[in-house]
Each structure stands twice: as structure tokens, then as C-alpha cells.
């Protein structure tokens, strides 16, 4: 990625680091985290780094849930201060602020920036035996600068930092659901928000709200802009912004907010007793997409993933007009389908996967299709 200059109406796209670089330095990271936590890795102090994502965990197993006597917990303000002080210490120990930070990881940090992190909640957690409380649970949402010119920030949906504060304010758990950034970023145009279509386009995705205020029934609410982190082990190369529009209750529709913010929808368009026909439709980019499908059977997982290829390109009618989709035909058995989509003009990438099960609403005729269903 090339260096960028701030312009109004543009948003940052952040490149993710290769988790393998952090895995190669796991011994050094373990030492630095232990020093920041003022503890040493042992059979009871477990420190782990997820190889597929760079997500990080620390657990004091003799303190978390297993303490023989009820702990003496600090008051809420002290617990919050302890959690935030620890996060700053780990950030300093596992970034370029540490002179001993490995050269391989120069410009990269284990945790998201604490300066923009947003505290979400602080809750007391009860002991399993019912004898009082076990610890405090502090949750924070990573935030990234959205617009370099206005210095606005946006949350990262799918990312979370959890800190557990136990006896006498000791940190007994740290969980980072965060893939480190590479340090590279670009500015891309902010796409205008478009209201959702009839349910057969990019707005078909759904996300469960992580918290906050929601509009009441019948009350319109401006969409939020959030970055999206897909998950542990899911192929992803950058964080891009998306619009989150309230659909009532705790559900949001998700749509593209930049040319790099692809969405991919699945639909089941035909089904017989032998075969299942699926389509994938990408939105949010140039419209010139390359698809690559794969699947694995839920009845024979030992057979592994079977690559299918690009599928058949077909054109369908949508509320917004004609759209090209990719179509495949599978055996009508329980499976997980996976699809990678690449925008051939911009290089934008998105991976999606979905469990598919045979419909119980099949007529007796061997080749008669069931009713169209959304997968």
C-alpha cells in the first residue's frame, strides 16, 4: 500500500499484519506480556497466541473460577483503572515503544491503540459455587481513526478486549480478539449510504448488535460506520468500513461504505432431492468480481475441503437492476460452502462461508424443486 494524504470525504483502509510474523516471535511476546502483567508463564499462568489471527489470551487458572477462598475485590473505579493501566503496559511492552521489540515486528503492535479504545462495560461476575463474586470483567471496543482529516474514530465490529480483575486488583485474565495491524493504510472514497434493497442484495447480511442505543419501532436512525473484523482463521487482509443500519430490535443491516468494503450474500434458488443450487452475489466494489467456491461435507468432514472453482456466471434481476452472480450446483446434503471474492479492478477481497442443510419442504417428485429459499 502507498502512503496517503488526508482528504475530506475519504476513509482509511487498514492493512492487517500477517499473524505468522507474531507466531514466529511468540517466545519474546510471551516474555514481554508476562513482564507487563508482573507474572511469569507457568502451568497455572497460561499465555497463548492464535496462529490464524494473532488473537491473544492470558489466564491465571488458579485465580479465575478456581480460587479456594472468595476474593477481596476492589471497588469499580479501582478495577477499571487497573484494567486500563495494564492495557497501556502491554501496549508499551509489545510495540515499537519497547526497545527490545523484535525487528520482524517493527511498526506493528500486539494490541489495538489504547488512546482510541472505548470502554464498553465493567461487570461483577459471580462465582460458580454461588459464594459471592469471582472477579470484575472489563470490556473495551477497539476504535480506529476513520477520517484522517477530521480525526473521527469508528469501532471495529467483531473485535473486543476483555480484562478480568480478581483478588486485590490482580489481573487474572486478558483476552484480545484483535488481529494486529501492519502499519500500512490508504485513504479511499467514502461511498454514499444507500437504503437496503428488497432483501436480495448486499443488505441481506445481518449482524447482532454489540450494545449501545437503538432506534424504537418506526423511528429512523442514521447508519453507523464501523470497521469489520471477520474472525479467527477467516482469510482477511485489511479492515474496511461498513454502514450498520438499524432494522429494529438488536439487528442491523450491513452495507458497503467504501470501494474496498465488499459484501457477499448467499441464496438458495433451487433444490431437488439430488441437487442444491446456490448463488453468491458480491456488492460494494467495481462490479467486476472473481469468485472461487469450495465446500466440505458435514457428514464426512474427514474428506476435507473440496475446491469447486469459479462457478457459472449468470445475470439476475434485483430491485436495483441487473446483477451478475456466481452459481454452483451441489449434492443435496448438509455441508458448509465457502466463497472467496476478489474485485478484479481494485484487488478488494472478501471471504464468506455458510452452513447449508436440505429443506424439509420437498415434494415427492424426484426432480421437482422446492420453494425458493434464502440459504
Protein backbone atom coordinates (compact mmCIF):
# COMPACT_ATOMS: atom_id res chain seq x y z
CA UNK A 1 0.00 0.00 0.00
CA UNK A 2 1.14 3.53 -0.74
CA UNK A 3 1.41 6.43 1.72
CA UNK A 4 -1.72 8.56 1.74
CA UNK A 5 -2.77 12.17 2.21
CA UNK A 6 -5.89 13.19 4.12
CA UNK A 7 -8.82 14.36 2.03
CA UNK A 8 -12.36 15.27 3.05
CA UNK A 9 -14.88 12.56 2.25
CA UNK A 10 -12.32 9.78 2.43
CA UNK A 11 -11.84 6.98 4.93
CA UNK A 12 -8.90 4.87 5.99
CA UNK A 13 -8.44 1.26 4.93
CA UNK A 14 -6.06 -0.53 7.32
CA UNK A 15 -3.85 -3.43 6.25
CA UNK A 16 -3.69 -6.36 8.68
CA UNK A 17 -0.38 -7.87 9.71
CA UNK A 18 0.49 -11.45 8.86
CA UNK A 19 -0.23 -13.41 12.09
CA UNK A 20 2.66 -15.71 11.19
CA UNK A 21 5.11 -12.90 11.99
CA UNK A 22 3.77 -12.75 15.55
CA UNK A 23 3.77 -16.54 15.89
CA UNK A 24 7.47 -16.59 14.97
CA UNK A 25 8.15 -14.20 17.86
CA UNK A 26 5.79 -15.87 20.35
CA UNK A 27 8.55 -16.52 22.90
CA UNK A 28 9.54 -12.84 23.01
CA UNK A 29 5.89 -11.73 23.11
CA UNK A 30 5.23 -14.14 25.99
CA UNK A 31 8.13 -12.63 27.97
CA UNK A 32 7.03 -9.06 27.33
CA UNK A 33 3.41 -9.75 28.23
CA UNK A 34 4.48 -11.58 31.39
CA UNK A 35 6.59 -8.61 32.43
CA UNK A 36 3.73 -6.19 31.80
CA UNK A 37 1.38 -8.37 33.84
CA UNK A 38 4.04 -8.84 36.53
CA UNK A 39 3.75 -12.60 36.23
CA UNK A 40 5.70 -15.45 34.68
CA UNK A 41 4.30 -18.04 32.26
CA UNK A 42 3.75 -21.35 34.05
CA UNK A 43 1.42 -24.32 34.25
CA UNK A 44 -1.08 -22.04 36.01
CA UNK A 45 -0.40 -18.79 34.13
CA UNK A 46 -1.29 -19.62 30.54
CA UNK A 47 -0.35 -17.31 27.68
CA UNK A 48 -1.40 -18.23 24.13
CA UNK A 49 -1.36 -16.65 20.67
CA UNK A 50 -3.79 -17.82 17.97
CA UNK A 51 -1.78 -18.70 14.84
CA UNK A 52 -4.62 -17.94 12.42
CA UNK A 53 -5.40 -14.45 13.67
CA UNK A 54 -2.89 -13.13 16.21
CA UNK A 55 -5.60 -13.12 18.89
CA UNK A 56 -4.11 -13.29 22.37
CA UNK A 57 -5.10 -14.90 25.71
CA UNK A 58 -3.75 -14.83 29.26
CA UNK A 59 -5.39 -16.79 32.09
CA UNK A 60 -4.34 -17.23 35.73
CA UNK A 61 -6.04 -20.61 36.11
CA UNK A 62 -5.67 -20.84 39.91
CA UNK A 63 -7.42 -17.48 40.34
CA UNK A 64 -10.09 -17.48 37.63
CA UNK A 65 -13.06 -19.56 38.88
CA UNK A 66 -10.77 -21.82 40.94
CA UNK A 67 -9.74 -19.65 43.90
CA UNK A 68 -10.24 -21.63 47.13
CA UNK A 69 -11.50 -18.63 49.11
CA UNK A 70 -13.70 -15.79 47.90
CA UNK A 71 -11.55 -12.93 46.63
CA UNK A 72 -11.35 -9.43 48.03
CA UNK A 73 -12.28 -7.32 45.02
CA UNK A 74 -11.54 -3.61 44.55
CA UNK A 75 -14.25 -1.01 44.05
CA UNK A 76 -15.39 -0.40 40.48
CA UNK A 77 -13.26 2.73 39.79
CA UNK A 78 -10.12 0.96 41.02
CA UNK A 79 -10.91 -2.15 38.95
CA UNK A 80 -11.37 -0.04 35.81
CA UNK A 81 -8.16 1.85 36.47
CA UNK A 82 -6.24 -1.43 36.96
CA UNK A 83 -7.55 -2.83 33.68
CA UNK A 84 -6.68 0.26 31.68
CA UNK A 85 -3.25 0.63 33.28
CA UNK A 86 -2.47 -2.99 32.38
CA UNK A 87 -3.56 -2.47 28.76
CA UNK A 88 -1.27 0.55 28.47
CA UNK A 89 1.58 -1.51 29.93
CA UNK A 90 1.04 -4.36 27.45
CA UNK A 91 0.73 -1.88 24.59
CA UNK A 92 4.08 -0.34 25.54
CA UNK A 93 5.77 -3.71 26.04
CA UNK A 94 4.50 -5.17 22.75
CA UNK A 95 5.13 -2.36 20.27
CA UNK A 96 7.91 -0.12 18.98
CA UNK A 97 7.83 1.70 22.35
CA UNK A 98 9.83 -1.27 23.67
CA UNK A 99 13.49 -1.03 22.51
CA UNK A 100 13.70 -4.83 22.62
CA UNK A 101 10.64 -5.33 20.37
CA UNK A 102 11.65 -7.76 17.58
CA UNK A 103 12.80 -6.18 14.32
CA UNK A 104 10.45 -8.50 12.44
CA UNK A 105 7.53 -6.71 14.15
CA UNK A 106 8.74 -3.15 13.63
CA UNK A 107 5.75 -0.86 13.04
CA UNK A 108 3.32 -3.46 14.40
CA UNK A 109 1.74 -3.79 17.84
CA UNK A 110 0.07 -6.73 19.58
CA UNK A 111 -2.92 -4.71 20.87
CA UNK A 112 -5.09 -2.02 19.26
CA UNK A 113 -4.21 1.58 20.21
CA UNK A 114 -5.37 2.27 23.76
CA UNK A 115 -5.61 6.01 23.07
CA UNK A 116 -8.75 5.46 20.99
CA UNK A 117 -10.06 2.34 22.76
CA UNK A 118 -13.60 2.73 24.08
CA UNK A 119 -14.62 1.26 27.45
CA UNK A 120 -17.91 -0.63 26.97
CA UNK A 121 -18.73 -2.25 30.32
CA UNK A 122 -17.49 -3.23 33.76
CA UNK A 123 -19.44 -6.03 35.46
CA UNK A 124 -19.14 -8.21 38.53
CA UNK A 125 -19.08 -11.94 37.68
CA UNK A 126 -20.43 -14.43 40.22
CA UNK A 127 -18.51 -17.45 41.48
CA UNK A 128 -19.66 -20.86 40.19
CA UNK A 129 -20.34 -22.02 43.77
CA UNK A 130 -22.60 -19.03 44.41
CA UNK A 131 -20.40 -17.70 47.24
CA UNK A 132 -20.20 -14.07 46.21
CA UNK A 133 -18.37 -12.66 43.20
CA UNK A 134 -15.33 -14.11 41.44
CA UNK A 135 -13.94 -11.10 39.56
CA UNK A 136 -14.63 -7.94 37.61
CA UNK A 137 -15.00 -8.20 33.82
CA UNK A 138 -13.91 -5.11 31.88
CA UNK A 139 -14.74 -4.92 28.17
CA UNK A 140 -13.42 -2.42 25.64
CA UNK A 141 -14.02 -1.89 21.93
CA UNK A 142 -11.06 -1.12 19.66
CA UNK A 143 -11.51 2.13 17.75
CA UNK A 144 -9.61 3.32 14.69
CA UNK A 145 -9.26 6.75 13.13
CA UNK A 146 -11.82 6.84 10.33
CA UNK A 147 -11.15 10.16 8.62
CA UNK A 148 -7.60 11.40 8.89
CA UNK A 149 -8.65 14.98 8.29
CA UNK A 150 -11.39 15.25 10.92
CA UNK A 151 -9.85 12.70 13.29
CA UNK A 152 -13.13 10.86 13.69
CA UNK A 153 -13.00 7.31 15.02
CA UNK A 154 -15.06 4.21 14.29
CA UNK A 155 -15.46 0.97 16.21
CA UNK A 156 -14.27 -2.42 14.96
CA UNK A 157 -17.21 -4.83 14.86
CA UNK A 158 -16.07 -8.36 15.77
CA UNK A 159 -13.13 -7.11 17.85
CA UNK A 160 -13.08 -6.91 21.64
CA UNK A 161 -10.66 -6.65 24.53
CA UNK A 162 -11.59 -8.36 27.82
CA UNK A 163 -9.77 -7.92 31.12
CA UNK A 164 -10.64 -9.85 34.30
CA UNK A 165 -9.66 -8.25 37.61
CA UNK A 166 -9.51 -10.52 40.65
CA UNK A 167 -8.30 -10.62 44.25
CA UNK A 168 -6.72 -7.35 45.42
CA UNK A 169 -6.97 -5.90 41.93
CA UNK A 170 -4.74 -8.51 40.29
CA UNK A 171 -5.21 -9.06 36.53
CA UNK A 172 -6.25 -12.72 36.19
CA UNK A 173 -7.38 -12.74 32.57
CA UNK A 174 -6.74 -10.88 29.31
CA UNK A 175 -8.40 -11.78 26.03
CA UNK A 176 -7.64 -9.83 22.88
CA UNK A 177 -9.96 -10.53 19.94
CA UNK A 178 -7.86 -8.40 17.64
CA UNK A 179 -5.69 -9.05 14.59
CA UNK A 180 -2.66 -6.72 14.67
CA UNK A 181 -2.28 -4.04 12.02
CA UNK A 182 0.67 -3.96 9.61
CA UNK A 183 1.12 -0.20 9.95
CA UNK A 184 0.14 0.41 6.31
CA UNK A 185 -3.05 2.22 5.33
CA UNK A 186 -4.61 4.11 2.44
CA UNK A 187 -7.46 6.58 2.07
CA UNK A 188 -10.40 5.57 -0.12
CA UNK A 189 -13.58 7.47 -1.04
CA UNK A 190 -16.46 7.21 1.41
CA UNK A 191 -19.31 5.57 -0.51
CA UNK A 192 -22.73 7.19 -0.11
CA UNK A 193 -25.16 5.26 2.05
CA UNK A 194 -27.87 3.53 0.04
CA UNK A 195 -31.02 2.20 1.71
CA UNK A 196 -31.36 -1.56 1.61
CA UNK A 197 -32.99 -3.23 -1.36
CA UNK A 198 -35.66 -5.95 -1.31
CA UNK A 199 -33.53 -8.41 0.62
CA UNK A 200 -31.73 -9.99 -2.33
CA UNK A 201 -28.69 -7.73 -2.31
CA UNK A 202 -25.89 -6.66 -0.08
CA UNK A 203 -28.29 -5.59 2.69
CA UNK A 204 -29.19 -9.24 3.22
CA UNK A 205 -26.36 -9.67 5.70
CA UNK A 206 -27.31 -9.41 9.36
CA UNK A 207 -25.22 -8.58 12.42
CA UNK A 208 -26.21 -8.79 16.06
CA UNK A 209 -25.80 -5.51 17.86
CA UNK A 210 -22.95 -5.43 20.36
CA UNK A 211 -24.66 -2.83 22.54
CA UNK A 212 -25.49 0.85 22.59
CA UNK A 213 -28.69 2.72 21.89
CA UNK A 214 -31.13 1.56 19.23
CA UNK A 215 -34.00 3.25 17.48
CA UNK A 216 -37.52 2.48 18.66
CA UNK A 217 -40.01 0.88 16.32
CA UNK A 218 -40.88 3.24 13.48
CA UNK A 219 -38.06 5.64 14.36
CA UNK A 220 -35.47 6.22 11.65
CA UNK A 221 -31.84 6.33 12.68
CA UNK A 222 -28.79 7.38 10.71
CA UNK A 223 -26.48 4.45 9.94
CA UNK A 224 -23.35 3.96 11.99
CA UNK A 225 -19.96 3.38 10.37
CA UNK A 226 -17.85 0.55 11.77
CA UNK A 227 -14.89 -1.45 10.63
CA UNK A 228 -15.43 -5.23 10.47
CA UNK A 229 -13.06 -7.94 11.73
CA UNK A 230 -14.29 -11.26 10.35
CA UNK A 231 -12.91 -13.76 12.86
CA UNK A 232 -10.20 -16.18 13.91
CA UNK A 233 -8.79 -18.07 10.93
CA UNK A 234 -11.02 -16.30 8.38
CA UNK A 235 -8.99 -15.04 5.38
CA UNK A 236 -8.84 -11.25 5.68
CA UNK A 237 -6.17 -8.79 4.60
CA UNK A 238 -7.47 -5.39 5.69
CA UNK A 239 -10.08 -3.59 7.78
CA UNK A 240 -12.60 -1.59 5.76
CA UNK A 241 -15.60 0.48 6.90
CA UNK A 242 -19.26 -0.57 6.57
CA UNK A 243 -22.61 1.08 7.23
CA UNK A 244 -24.64 -0.51 10.03
CA UNK A 245 -28.32 0.45 9.71
CA UNK A 246 -30.80 -0.42 12.45
CA UNK A 247 -33.57 -2.81 11.45
CA UNK A 248 -35.30 -2.79 14.82
CA UNK A 249 -34.53 -4.74 17.95
CA UNK A 250 -30.91 -5.87 18.08
CA UNK A 251 -30.32 -6.39 14.35
CA UNK A 252 -28.50 -4.30 11.77
CA UNK A 253 -28.20 -4.46 8.02
CA UNK A 254 -24.62 -4.17 6.79
CA UNK A 255 -23.65 -2.43 3.55
CA UNK A 256 -20.52 -1.11 1.89
CA UNK A 257 -19.01 2.25 2.91
CA UNK A 258 -16.01 2.22 0.56
CA UNK A 259 -14.87 0.56 -2.70
CA UNK A 260 -12.89 -1.91 -0.53
CA UNK A 261 -15.85 -2.84 1.69
CA UNK A 262 -17.24 -5.85 -0.16
CA UNK A 263 -20.31 -7.75 0.95
CA UNK A 264 -21.25 -11.24 -0.23
CA UNK A 265 -24.74 -12.76 0.01
CA UNK A 266 -25.77 -16.39 -0.47
CA UNK A 267 -29.15 -17.52 -1.78
CA UNK A 268 -30.65 -20.96 -2.40
CA UNK A 269 -32.57 -20.72 -5.67
CA UNK A 270 -33.45 -24.34 -6.42
CA UNK A 271 -33.48 -27.71 -4.68
CA UNK A 272 -34.31 -31.25 -5.69
CA UNK A 273 -33.80 -34.47 -3.78
CA UNK A 274 -30.46 -34.86 -5.53
CA UNK A 275 -29.13 -31.35 -6.03
CA UNK A 276 -28.96 -27.93 -4.42
CA UNK A 277 -28.40 -24.75 -6.45
CA UNK A 278 -26.75 -21.77 -4.72
CA UNK A 279 -25.73 -18.34 -5.89
CA UNK A 280 -23.32 -15.81 -4.39
CA UNK A 281 -23.64 -12.12 -5.15
CA UNK A 282 -20.92 -9.60 -4.29
CA UNK A 283 -21.63 -5.89 -3.83
CA UNK A 284 -19.79 -2.78 -2.81
CA UNK A 285 -16.95 -2.67 -5.31
CA UNK A 286 -16.49 -2.16 -9.03
CA UNK A 287 -18.90 -4.95 -10.02
CA UNK A 288 -16.17 -6.90 -11.79
CA UNK A 289 -15.74 -9.81 -9.38
CA UNK A 290 -13.83 -13.08 -9.46
CA UNK A 291 -15.38 -15.93 -7.45
CA UNK A 292 -13.80 -19.12 -6.12
CA UNK A 293 -16.01 -21.69 -4.36
CA UNK A 294 -15.25 -24.62 -2.07
CA UNK A 295 -17.24 -26.85 0.27
CA UNK A 296 -16.92 -29.57 2.85
CA UNK A 297 -19.45 -32.15 3.92
CA UNK A 298 -20.85 -32.14 7.45
CA UNK A 299 -21.43 -35.89 7.09
CA UNK A 300 -17.85 -36.68 6.02
CA UNK A 301 -15.66 -33.95 7.45
CA UNK A 302 -12.65 -36.28 7.25
CA UNK A 303 -12.76 -35.80 3.46
CA UNK A 304 -11.70 -32.18 3.93
CA UNK A 305 -12.39 -29.15 1.77
CA UNK A 306 -13.24 -29.68 -1.90
CA UNK A 307 -12.43 -26.80 -4.24
CA UNK A 308 -15.19 -26.14 -6.76
CA UNK A 309 -13.88 -23.21 -8.77
CA UNK A 310 -15.45 -20.00 -10.10
CA UNK A 311 -18.94 -21.40 -10.69
CA UNK A 312 -21.20 -20.26 -13.51
CA UNK A 313 -21.70 -16.54 -14.05
CA UNK A 314 -25.37 -15.68 -14.56
CA UNK A 315 -27.34 -12.42 -14.60
CA UNK A 316 -30.35 -11.92 -12.35
CA UNK A 317 -32.93 -9.21 -11.74
CA UNK A 318 -32.80 -7.26 -8.48
CA UNK A 319 -34.59 -4.20 -7.13
CA UNK A 320 -31.54 -2.16 -8.15
CA UNK A 321 -31.42 -3.63 -11.68
CA UNK A 322 -29.43 -6.41 -13.29
CA UNK A 323 -26.65 -8.07 -11.30
CA UNK A 324 -24.08 -10.76 -12.10
CA UNK A 325 -23.87 -13.64 -9.64
CA UNK A 326 -21.94 -16.89 -9.42
CA UNK A 327 -23.96 -20.14 -9.43
CA UNK A 328 -22.99 -23.65 -8.31
CA UNK A 329 -24.84 -26.97 -8.03
CA UNK A 330 -24.05 -29.28 -5.10
CA UNK A 331 -25.24 -32.62 -3.82
CA UNK A 332 -28.26 -32.03 -1.59
CA UNK A 333 -26.57 -32.97 1.69
CA UNK A 334 -25.58 -30.96 4.78
CA UNK A 335 -22.41 -29.01 4.05
CA UNK A 336 -20.51 -25.78 4.56
CA UNK A 337 -19.98 -23.69 1.45
CA UNK A 338 -17.12 -21.20 1.24
CA UNK A 339 -16.52 -18.49 -1.33
CA UNK A 340 -13.69 -16.05 -1.92
CA UNK A 341 -14.49 -12.93 -3.91
CA UNK A 342 -11.91 -10.59 -5.42
CA UNK A 343 -12.62 -7.31 -7.16
CA UNK A 344 -10.53 -7.60 -10.31
CA UNK A 345 -10.19 -3.81 -10.65
CA UNK A 346 -9.28 -2.78 -7.09
CA UNK A 347 -7.97 -6.03 -5.58
CA UNK A 348 -10.56 -5.80 -2.78
CA UNK A 349 -11.23 -9.20 -1.18
CA UNK A 350 -13.96 -10.84 0.89
CA UNK A 351 -14.44 -14.37 2.24
CA UNK A 352 -17.77 -15.80 3.35
CA UNK A 353 -18.97 -19.22 4.44
CA UNK A 354 -22.35 -20.63 5.32
CA UNK A 355 -23.87 -23.87 6.58
CA UNK A 356 -26.46 -25.34 4.23
CA UNK A 357 -28.97 -28.05 5.11
CA UNK A 358 -31.55 -29.85 2.94
CA UNK A 359 -35.00 -28.34 3.15
CA UNK A 360 -37.76 -30.45 4.74
CA UNK A 361 -40.26 -28.94 2.27
CA UNK A 362 -39.63 -31.20 -0.71
CA UNK A 363 -42.38 -32.77 -2.80
CA UNK A 364 -42.27 -36.44 -3.68
CA UNK A 365 -41.37 -35.95 -7.35
CA UNK A 366 -37.69 -36.74 -7.70
CA UNK A 367 -36.77 -33.72 -9.77
CA UNK A 368 -39.39 -31.22 -8.57
CA UNK A 369 -37.81 -28.13 -6.97
CA UNK A 370 -38.75 -26.98 -3.52
CA UNK A 371 -39.81 -23.41 -2.85
CA UNK A 372 -37.07 -20.77 -3.37
CA UNK A 373 -35.29 -20.20 -0.04
CA UNK A 374 -32.60 -17.95 1.23
CA UNK A 375 -29.62 -20.01 2.36
